Amino acid sequence: MPHEIAIYGVLVPGLLPVFLGCLLLMVLLDMLVGRLGLYRQVWHPSLFRLALFVCLFGVAGLLLIR
């Protein structure tokens, strides 16, 4: 995995595309969980969203290391 990626001459961190992809996936999962009404089973929905995003980003980052 490269440390920096050049996008139109601007160096950005190598994990930025992974972060944006996980953010998009998190928005889709958030809509799905909200539609299914699963947030009623969660104590604190905001913390659940954060924890889900951290898990997604962590798994994606670990998969790129391999």
C-alpha atoms as a PDB file:
ATOM      1  CA  MET A   1       0.000   0.000   0.000  1.00  0.00           C
ATOM      2  CA  PRO A   2       1.520   3.352  -0.986  1.00  0.00           C
ATOM      3  CA  HIS A   3       2.078   5.974   1.680  1.00  0.00           C
ATOM      4  CA  GLU A   4       0.838   8.802  -0.529  1.00  0.00           C
ATOM      5  CA  ILE A   5      -1.231   8.926  -3.690  1.00  0.00           C
ATOM      6  CA  ALA A   6      -0.968  11.771  -6.191  1.00  0.00           C
ATOM      7  CA  ILE A   7      -4.385  13.047  -7.277  1.00  0.00           C
ATOM      8  CA  TYR A   8      -4.053  15.855  -9.833  1.00  0.00           C
ATOM      9  CA  GLY A   9      -0.661  16.731  -8.391  1.00  0.00           C
ATOM     10  CA  VAL A  10      -1.822  16.789  -4.780  1.00  0.00           C
ATOM     11  CA  LEU A  11      -0.414  14.178  -2.413  1.00  0.00           C
ATOM     12  CA  VAL A  12      -3.059  12.608  -0.197  1.00  0.00           C
ATOM     13  CA  PRO A  13      -2.699   9.810   2.372  1.00  0.00           C
ATOM     14  CA  GLY A  14      -2.935   6.286   0.995  1.00  0.00           C
ATOM     15  CA  LEU A  15      -5.855   5.432   3.271  1.00  0.00           C
ATOM     16  CA  LEU A  16      -8.009   8.313   2.003  1.00  0.00           C
ATOM     17  CA  PRO A  17      -9.711   6.245  -0.751  1.00  0.00           C
ATOM     18  CA  VAL A  18     -10.335   3.478   1.786  1.00  0.00           C
ATOM     19  CA  PHE A  19     -11.799   6.021   4.213  1.00  0.00           C
ATOM     20  CA  LEU A  20     -14.125   7.446   1.558  1.00  0.00           C
ATOM     21  CA  GLY A  21     -15.220   3.958   0.485  1.00  0.00           C
ATOM     22  CA  CYS A  22     -15.969   2.984   4.088  1.00  0.00           C
ATOM     23  CA  LEU A  23     -17.857   6.246   4.550  1.00  0.00           C
ATOM     24  CA  LEU A  24     -20.033   5.466   1.528  1.00  0.00           C
ATOM     25  CA  LEU A  25     -20.626   1.923   2.769  1.00  0.00           C
ATOM     26  CA  MET A  26     -21.466   3.282   6.219  1.00  0.00           C
ATOM     27  CA  VAL A  27     -24.093   5.642   4.781  1.00  0.00           C
ATOM     28  CA  LEU A  28     -25.705   2.732   2.932  1.00  0.00           C
ATOM     29  CA  LEU A  29     -25.636   0.523   6.035  1.00  0.00           C
ATOM     30  CA  ASP A  30     -27.049   3.367   8.123  1.00  0.00           C
ATOM     31  CA  MET A  31     -29.993   3.744   5.763  1.00  0.00           C
ATOM     32  CA  LEU A  32     -30.589  -0.010   5.795  1.00  0.00           C
ATOM     33  CA  VAL A  33     -30.440  -0.280   9.593  1.00  0.00           C
ATOM     34  CA  GLY A  34     -32.716   2.749   9.947  1.00  0.00           C
ATOM     35  CA  ARG A  35     -35.240   1.317   7.509  1.00  0.00           C
ATOM     36  CA  LEU A  36     -35.305  -2.013   9.301  1.00  0.00           C
ATOM     37  CA  GLY A  37     -35.825  -0.267  12.635  1.00  0.00           C
ATOM     38  CA  LEU A  38     -32.829  -1.863  14.302  1.00  0.00           C
ATOM     39  CA  TYR A  39     -31.815   1.372  15.998  1.00  0.00           C
ATOM     40  CA  ARG A  40     -34.627   0.768  18.498  1.00  0.00           C
ATOM     41  CA  GLN A  41     -32.577  -2.169  19.834  1.00  0.00           C
ATOM     42  CA  VAL A  42     -29.435  -0.066  20.327  1.00  0.00           C
ATOM     43  CA  TRP A  43     -28.719   1.903  23.502  1.00  0.00           C
ATOM     44  CA  HIS A  44     -27.012   4.869  21.791  1.00  0.00           C
ATOM     45  CA  PRO A  45     -27.407   5.040  17.983  1.00  0.00           C
ATOM     46  CA  SER A  46     -24.620   7.593  17.501  1.00  0.00           C
ATOM     47  CA  LEU A  47     -22.084   5.424  19.312  1.00  0.00           C
ATOM     48  CA  PHE A  48     -23.296   2.405  17.357  1.00  0.00           C
ATOM     49  CA  ARG A  49     -22.732   4.285  14.082  1.00  0.00           C
ATOM     50  CA  LEU A  50     -19.240   5.292  15.152  1.00  0.00           C
ATOM     51  CA  ALA A  51     -18.344   1.770  16.275  1.00  0.00           C
ATOM     52  CA  LEU A  52     -19.659   0.306  13.020  1.00  0.00           C
ATOM     53  CA  PHE A  53     -17.584   2.754  10.984  1.00  0.00           C
ATOM     54  CA  VAL A  54     -14.454   2.024  13.035  1.00  0.00           C
ATOM     55  CA  CYS A  55     -14.964  -1.710  12.486  1.00  0.00           C
ATOM     56  CA  LEU A  56     -15.462  -1.251   8.730  1.00  0.00           C
ATOM     57  CA  PHE A  57     -12.421   1.005   8.386  1.00  0.00           C
ATOM     58  CA  GLY A  58     -10.273  -1.276  10.527  1.00  0.00           C
ATOM     59  CA  VAL A  59     -11.160  -4.380   8.527  1.00  0.00           C
ATOM     60  CA  ALA A  60     -10.569  -2.577   5.226  1.00  0.00           C
ATOM     61  CA  GLY A  61      -7.206  -1.272   6.442  1.00  0.00           C
ATOM     62  CA  LEU A  62      -6.129  -4.703   7.651  1.00  0.00           C
ATOM     63  CA  LEU A  63      -7.144  -6.286   4.352  1.00  0.00           C
ATOM     64  CA  LEU A  64      -4.931  -3.838   2.474  1.00  0.00           C
ATOM     65  CA  ILE A  65      -1.884  -4.694   4.563  1.00  0.00           C
ATOM     66  CA  ARG A  66      -2.026  -8.328   3.475  1.00  0.00           C
END
